[in-house]
PDB file of N, CA and C in Angstrom:
ATOM      1  N   MET A   1     103.421 108.845 116.731  1.00  0.00           N
ATOM      2  CA  MET A   1     102.976 109.708 115.654  1.00  0.00           C
ATOM      3  C   MET A   1     102.213 108.876 114.623  1.00  0.00           C
ATOM      4  N   THR A   2     101.089 109.386 114.197  1.00  0.00           N
ATOM      5  CA  THR A   2     100.326 108.661 113.194  1.00  0.00           C
ATOM      6  C   THR A   2     100.702 109.164 111.805  1.00  0.00           C
ATOM      7  N   THR A   3     100.515 108.292 110.837  1.00  0.00           N
ATOM      8  CA  THR A   3     100.839 108.594 109.448  1.00  0.00           C
ATOM      9  C   THR A   3      99.632 108.277 108.584  1.00  0.00           C
ATOM     10  N   PRO A   4      99.649 108.705 107.322  1.00  0.00           N
ATOM     11  CA  PRO A   4      98.534 108.342 106.440  1.00  0.00           C
ATOM     12  C   PRO A   4      98.296 106.839 106.359  1.00  0.00           C
ATOM     13  N   ARG A   5      99.354 106.044 106.422  1.00  0.00           N
ATOM     14  CA  ARG A   5      99.170 104.583 106.383  1.00  0.00           C
ATOM     15  C   ARG A   5      98.429 104.082 107.625  1.00  0.00           C
ATOM     16  N   THR A   6      98.754 104.628 108.794  1.00  0.00           N
ATOM     17  CA  THR A   6      98.046 104.190 110.001  1.00  0.00           C
ATOM     18  C   THR A   6      96.611 104.680 109.973  1.00  0.00           C
ATOM     19  N   TRP A   7      96.385 105.845 109.362  1.00  0.00           N
ATOM     20  CA  TRP A   7      95.013 106.347 109.233  1.00  0.00           C
ATOM     21  C   TRP A   7      94.201 105.428 108.331  1.00  0.00           C
ATOM     22  N   LEU A   8      94.810 104.983 107.240  1.00  0.00           N
ATOM     23  CA  LEU A   8      94.128 104.074 106.331  1.00  0.00           C
ATOM     24  C   LEU A   8      93.837 102.743 107.021  1.00  0.00           C
ATOM     25  N   ALA A   9      94.798 102.233 107.756  1.00  0.00           N
ATOM     26  CA  ALA A   9      94.602 100.976 108.484  1.00  0.00           C
ATOM     27  C   ALA A   9      93.467 101.115 109.497  1.00  0.00           C
ATOM     28  N   ALA A  10      93.409 102.250 110.171  1.00  0.00           N
ATOM     29  CA  ALA A  10      92.335 102.474 111.146  1.00  0.00           C
ATOM     30  C   ALA A  10      90.978 102.482 110.461  1.00  0.00           C
ATOM     31  N   ALA A  11      90.909 103.115 109.308  1.00  0.00           N
ATOM     32  CA  ALA A  11      89.638 103.160 108.580  1.00  0.00           C
ATOM     33  C   ALA A  11      89.223 101.759 108.134  1.00  0.00           C
ATOM     34  N   GLU A  12      90.184 101.008 107.611  1.00  0.00           N
ATOM     35  CA  GLU A  12      89.885  99.656 107.142  1.00  0.00           C
ATOM     36  C   GLU A  12      89.502  98.725 108.294  1.00  0.00           C
ATOM     37  N   ALA A  13      90.024  99.003 109.480  1.00  0.00           N
ATOM     38  CA  ALA A  13      89.712  98.176 110.649  1.00  0.00           C
ATOM     39  C   ALA A  13      88.409  98.588 111.319  1.00  0.00           C
ATOM     40  N   GLY A  14      87.772  99.616 110.791  1.00  0.00           N
ATOM     41  CA  GLY A  14      86.511 100.064 111.367  1.00  0.00           C
ATOM     42  C   GLY A  14      86.670 100.902 112.617  1.00  0.00           C
ATOM     43  N   GLU A  15      87.851 101.466 112.824  1.00  0.00           N
ATOM     44  CA  GLU A  15      88.104 102.329 113.984  1.00  0.00           C
ATOM     45  C   GLU A  15      87.612 103.735 113.645  1.00  0.00           C
ATOM     46  N   THR A  16      86.333 103.944 113.845  1.00  0.00           N
ATOM     47  CA  THR A  16      85.666 105.152 113.390  1.00  0.00           C
ATOM     48  C   THR A  16      86.255 106.420 113.968  1.00  0.00           C
ATOM     49  N   ALA A  17      86.481 106.470 115.264  1.00  0.00           N
ATOM     50  CA  ALA A  17      87.001 107.694 115.885  1.00  0.00           C
ATOM     51  C   ALA A  17      88.369 108.042 115.313  1.00  0.00           C
ATOM     52  N   GLU A  18      89.244 107.052 115.202  1.00  0.00           N
ATOM     53  CA  GLU A  18      90.580 107.290 114.644  1.00  0.00           C
ATOM     54  C   GLU A  18      90.495 107.729 113.188  1.00  0.00           C
ATOM     55  N   ALA A  19      89.593 107.106 112.431  1.00  0.00           N
ATOM     56  CA  ALA A  19      89.426 107.463 111.030  1.00  0.00           C
ATOM     57  C   ALA A  19      88.922 108.907 110.883  1.00  0.00           C
ATOM     58  N   LEU A  20      88.005 109.316 111.731  1.00  0.00           N
ATOM     59  CA  LEU A  20      87.500 110.694 111.672  1.00  0.00           C
ATOM     60  C   LEU A  20      88.589 111.689 112.055  1.00  0.00           C
ATOM     61  N   ARG A  21      89.408 111.353 113.048  1.00  0.00           N
ATOM     62  CA  ARG A  21      90.539 112.226 113.393  1.00  0.00           C
ATOM     63  C   ARG A  21      91.517 112.318 112.232  1.00  0.00           C
ATOM     64  N   ALA A  22      91.702 111.219 111.528  1.00  0.00           N
ATOM     65  CA  ALA A  22      92.582 111.223 110.362  1.00  0.00           C
ATOM     66  C   ALA A  22      92.063 112.176 109.298  1.00  0.00           C
ATOM     67  N   ILE A  23      90.771 112.162 109.054  1.00  0.00           N
ATOM     68  CA  ILE A  23      90.172 113.072 108.081  1.00  0.00           C
ATOM     69  C   ILE A  23      90.412 114.518 108.495  1.00  0.00           C
ATOM     70  N   ALA A  24      90.212 114.821 109.761  1.00  0.00           N
ATOM     71  CA  ALA A  24      90.442 116.183 110.250  1.00  0.00           C
ATOM     72  C   ALA A  24      91.904 116.591 110.054  1.00  0.00           C
ATOM     73  N   ASN A  25      92.834 115.673 110.351  1.00  0.00           N
ATOM     74  CA  ASN A  25      94.253 115.969 110.171  1.00  0.00           C
ATOM     75  C   ASN A  25      94.602 116.189 108.710  1.00  0.00           C
ATOM     76  N   LEU A  26      94.036 115.374 107.831  1.00  0.00           N
ATOM     77  CA  LEU A  26      94.291 115.530 106.404  1.00  0.00           C
ATOM     78  C   LEU A  26      93.749 116.857 105.885  1.00  0.00           C
ATOM     79  N   ARG A  27      92.553 117.247 106.323  1.00  0.00           N
ATOM     80  CA  ARG A  27      91.990 118.538 105.908  1.00  0.00           C
ATOM     81  C   ARG A  27      92.905 119.686 106.319  1.00  0.00           C
ATOM     82  N   LYS A  28      93.413 119.618 107.550  1.00  0.00           N
ATOM     83  CA  LYS A  28      94.310 120.666 108.032  1.00  0.00           C
ATOM     84  C   LYS A  28      95.570 120.725 107.173  1.00  0.00           C
ATOM     85  N   LEU A  29      96.144 119.565 106.888  1.00  0.00           N
ATOM     86  CA  LEU A  29      97.352 119.515 106.072  1.00  0.00           C
ATOM     87  C   LEU A  29      97.095 120.049 104.668  1.00  0.00           C
ATOM     88  N   ILE A  30      95.993 119.650 104.057  1.00  0.00           N
ATOM     89  CA  ILE A  30      95.655 120.122 102.718  1.00  0.00           C
ATOM     90  C   ILE A  30      95.485 121.635 102.710  1.00  0.00           C
ATOM     91  N   ASN A  31      94.809 122.172 103.706  1.00  0.00           N
ATOM     92  CA  ASN A  31      94.623 123.623 103.773  1.00  0.00           C
ATOM     93  C   ASN A  31      95.952 124.344 103.919  1.00  0.00           C
ATOM     94  N   GLU A  32      96.839 123.813 104.760  1.00  0.00           N
ATOM     95  CA  GLU A  32      98.152 124.433 104.934  1.00  0.00           C
ATOM     96  C   GLU A  32      98.957 124.392 103.635  1.00  0.00           C
ATOM     97  N   LEU A  33      98.921 123.256 102.943  1.00  0.00           N
ATOM     98  CA  LEU A  33      99.630 123.137 101.670  1.00  0.00           C
ATOM     99  C   LEU A  33      99.064 124.087 100.629  1.00  0.00           C
ATOM    100  N   GLU A  34      97.743 124.222 100.604  1.00  0.00           N
ATOM    101  CA  GLU A  34      97.109 125.126  99.639  1.00  0.00           C
ATOM    102  C   GLU A  34      97.552 126.560  99.871  1.00  0.00           C
ATOM    103  N   VAL A  35      97.576 127.001 101.116  1.00  0.00           N
ATOM    104  CA  VAL A  35      98.014 128.363 101.424  1.00  0.00           C
ATOM    105  C   VAL A  35      99.444 128.582 100.932  1.00  0.00           C
ATOM    106  N   ILE A  36     100.321 127.641 101.221  1.00  0.00           N
ATOM    107  CA  ILE A  36     101.727 127.767 100.816  1.00  0.00           C
ATOM    108  C   ILE A  36     101.844 127.838  99.299  1.00  0.00           C
ATOM    109  N   HIS A  37     101.178 126.941  98.602  1.00  0.00           N
ATOM    110  CA  HIS A  37     101.345 126.871  97.157  1.00  0.00           C
ATOM    111  C   HIS A  37     100.636 128.007  96.422  1.00  0.00           C
ATOM    112  N   VAL A  38      99.524 128.470  96.943  1.00  0.00           N
ATOM    113  CA  VAL A  38      98.883 129.641  96.337  1.00  0.00           C
ATOM    114  C   VAL A  38      99.776 130.866  96.534  1.00  0.00           C
ATOM    115  N   ARG A  39     100.350 131.018  97.721  1.00  0.00           N
ATOM    116  CA  ARG A  39     101.271 132.131  97.979  1.00  0.00           C
ATOM    117  C   ARG A  39     102.465 132.067  97.016  1.00  0.00           C
ATOM    118  N   ASN A  40     103.016 130.861  96.840  1.00  0.00           N
ATOM    119  CA  ASN A  40     104.137 130.687  95.911  1.00  0.00           C
ATOM    120  C   ASN A  40     103.738 131.043  94.481  1.00  0.00           C
ATOM    121  N   ALA A  41     102.581 130.579  94.066  1.00  0.00           N
ATOM    122  CA  ALA A  41     102.118 130.877  92.708  1.00  0.00           C
ATOM    123  C   ALA A  41     101.949 132.381  92.511  1.00  0.00           C
ATOM    124  N   ARG A  42     101.365 133.046  93.494  1.00  0.00           N
ATOM    125  CA  ARG A  42     101.176 134.506  93.376  1.00  0.00           C
ATOM    126  C   ARG A  42     102.534 135.217  93.320  1.00  0.00           C
ATOM    127  N   SER A  43     103.499 134.762  94.112  1.00  0.00           N
ATOM    128  CA  SER A  43     104.813 135.406  94.104  1.00  0.00           C
ATOM    129  C   SER A  43     105.539 135.161  92.785  1.00  0.00           C
ATOM    130  N   GLN A  44     105.134 134.116  92.050  1.00  0.00           N
ATOM    131  CA  GLN A  44     105.715 133.824  90.740  1.00  0.00           C
ATOM    132  C   GLN A  44     104.940 134.493  89.609  1.00  0.00           C
ATOM    133  N   GLY A  45     103.934 135.297  89.976  1.00  0.00           N
ATOM    134  CA  GLY A  45     103.192 136.050  88.977  1.00  0.00           C
ATOM    135  C   GLY A  45     101.942 135.398  88.429  1.00  0.00           C
ATOM    136  N   TRP A  46     101.527 134.289  89.005  1.00  0.00           N
ATOM    137  CA  TRP A  46     100.310 133.648  88.537  1.00  0.00           C
ATOM    138  C   TRP A  46      99.109 134.528  88.847  1.00  0.00           C
ATOM    139  N   SER A  47      98.127 134.525  87.965  1.00  0.00           N
ATOM    140  CA  SER A  47      96.881 135.256  88.207  1.00  0.00           C
ATOM    141  C   SER A  47      95.963 134.405  89.075  1.00  0.00           C
ATOM    142  N   TRP A  48      94.969 135.068  89.671  1.00  0.00           N
ATOM    143  CA  TRP A  48      93.986 134.325  90.459  1.00  0.00           C
ATOM    144  C   TRP A  48      93.267 133.326  89.567  1.00  0.00           C
ATOM    145  N   GLY A  49      93.023 133.696  88.314  1.00  0.00           N
ATOM    146  CA  GLY A  49      92.348 132.799  87.382  1.00  0.00           C
ATOM    147  C   GLY A  49      93.157 131.549  87.086  1.00  0.00           C
ATOM    148  N   GLU A  50      94.463 131.700  86.911  1.00  0.00           N
ATOM    149  CA  GLU A  50      95.331 130.540  86.658  1.00  0.00           C
ATOM    150  C   GLU A  50      95.356 129.592  87.854  1.00  0.00           C
ATOM    151  N   ILE A  51      95.453 130.171  89.040  1.00  0.00           N
ATOM    152  CA  ILE A  51      95.456 129.356  90.259  1.00  0.00           C
ATOM    153  C   ILE A  51      94.125 128.631  90.403  1.00  0.00           C
ATOM    154  N   ALA A  52      93.046 129.361  90.195  1.00  0.00           N
ATOM    155  CA  ALA A  52      91.711 128.773  90.313  1.00  0.00           C
ATOM    156  C   ALA A  52      91.533 127.608  89.354  1.00  0.00           C
ATOM    157  N   GLU A  53      92.024 127.769  88.136  1.00  0.00           N
ATOM    158  CA  GLU A  53      91.897 126.691  87.148  1.00  0.00           C
ATOM    159  C   GLU A  53      92.610 125.425  87.626  1.00  0.00           C
ATOM    160  N   GLU A  54      93.797 125.569  88.168  1.00  0.00           N
ATOM    161  CA  GLU A  54      94.555 124.411  88.655  1.00  0.00           C
ATOM    162  C   GLU A  54      93.888 123.768  89.865  1.00  0.00           C
ATOM    163  N   LEU A  55      93.244 124.570  90.704  1.00  0.00           N
ATOM    164  CA  LEU A  55      92.574 124.036  91.895  1.00  0.00           C
ATOM    165  C   LEU A  55      91.162 123.527  91.600  1.00  0.00           C
ATOM    166  N   GLY A  56      90.651 123.847  90.412  1.00  0.00           N
ATOM    167  CA  GLY A  56      89.306 123.409  90.056  1.00  0.00           C
ATOM    168  C   GLY A  56      88.206 124.173  90.757  1.00  0.00           C
ATOM    169  N   VAL A  57      88.469 125.453  91.032  1.00  0.00           N
ATOM    170  CA  VAL A  57      87.477 126.317  91.680  1.00  0.00           C
ATOM    171  C   VAL A  57      87.354 127.607  90.872  1.00  0.00           C
ATOM    172  N   SER A  58      86.420 128.469  91.266  1.00  0.00           N
ATOM    173  CA  SER A  58      86.265 129.738  90.566  1.00  0.00           C
ATOM    174  C   SER A  58      87.342 130.731  91.009  1.00  0.00           C
ATOM    175  N   LYS A  59      87.603 131.694  90.146  1.00  0.00           N
ATOM    176  CA  LYS A  59      88.565 132.749  90.473  1.00  0.00           C
ATOM    177  C   LYS A  59      88.124 133.488  91.735  1.00  0.00           C
ATOM    178  N   GLN A  60      86.836 133.736  91.847  1.00  0.00           N
ATOM    179  CA  GLN A  60      86.314 134.445  93.015  1.00  0.00           C
ATOM    180  C   GLN A  60      86.540 133.640  94.292  1.00  0.00           C
ATOM    181  N   ALA A  61      86.343 132.337  94.210  1.00  0.00           N
ATOM    182  CA  ALA A  61      86.502 131.491  95.401  1.00  0.00           C
ATOM    183  C   ALA A  61      87.946 131.491  95.883  1.00  0.00           C
ATOM    184  N   VAL A  62      88.889 131.341  94.956  1.00  0.00           N
ATOM    185  CA  VAL A  62      90.291 131.299  95.366  1.00  0.00           C
ATOM    186  C   VAL A  62      90.741 132.662  95.881  1.00  0.00           C
ATOM    187  N   HIS A  63      90.277 133.723  95.260  1.00  0.00           N
ATOM    188  CA  HIS A  63      90.650 135.065  95.722  1.00  0.00           C
ATOM    189  C   HIS A  63      90.083 135.329  97.108  1.00  0.00           C
ATOM    190  N   ARG A  64      88.829 134.981  97.313  1.00  0.00           N
ATOM    191  CA  ARG A  64      88.180 135.201  98.609  1.00  0.00           C
ATOM    192  C   ARG A  64      88.916 134.441  99.712  1.00  0.00           C
ATOM    193  N   LYS A  65      89.339 133.223  99.410  1.00  0.00           N
ATOM    194  CA  LYS A  65      89.986 132.391 100.417  1.00  0.00           C
ATOM    195  C   LYS A  65      91.424 132.819 100.691  1.00  0.00           C
ATOM    196  N   HIS A  66      92.150 133.278  99.667  1.00  0.00           N
ATOM    197  CA  HIS A  66      93.592 133.457  99.809  1.00  0.00           C
ATOM    198  C   HIS A  66      94.097 134.895  99.752  1.00  0.00           C
ATOM    199  N   ALA A  67      93.298 135.844  99.340  1.00  0.00           N
ATOM    200  CA  ALA A  67      93.796 137.225  99.236  1.00  0.00           C
ATOM    201  C   ALA A  67      94.267 137.731 100.591  1.00  0.00           C
ATOM    202  N   LYS A  68      93.656 137.279 101.666  1.00  0.00           N
ATOM    203  CA  LYS A  68      94.044 137.713 103.013  1.00  0.00           C
ATOM    204  C   LYS A  68      95.427 137.208 103.391  1.00  0.00           C
ATOM    205  N   HIS A  69      95.939 136.163 102.715  1.00  0.00           N
ATOM    206  CA  HIS A  69      97.231 135.576 103.037  1.00  0.00           C
ATOM    207  C   HIS A  69      98.363 136.189 102.216  1.00  0.00           C
ATOM    208  N   ARG A  70      98.057 137.121 101.344  1.00  0.00           N
ATOM    209  CA  ARG A  70      99.070 137.603 100.404  1.00  0.00           C
ATOM    210  C   ARG A  70     100.315 138.124 101.070  1.00  0.00           C
ATOM    211  N   ASN A  71     100.170 138.854 102.140  1.00  0.00           N
ATOM    212  CA  ASN A  71     101.332 139.454 102.789  1.00  0.00           C
ATOM    213  C   ASN A  71     101.692 138.739 104.088  1.00  0.00           C
ATOM    214  N   ALA A  72     101.091 137.584 104.311  1.00  0.00           N
ATOM    215  CA  ALA A  72     101.352 136.857 105.561  1.00  0.00           C
ATOM    216  C   ALA A  72     102.679 136.119 105.495  1.00  0.00           C
TER     217      ALA A  72
END
């Protein structure tokens, strides 16, 4: 199993393919975490605007991306 530390070591060693796979894995993890935490924030009564402010995006962008996950 690879970890963020092994991904960093691969990047520093110039292992391009491994480093690119690490980036893909990190993107997937970040997206999964975002879905979970946006869902949690909405269930706690946060507005789309409040969530957007914390994520550094527009209210429209966060709503467009996450409104489909509301009841998932």
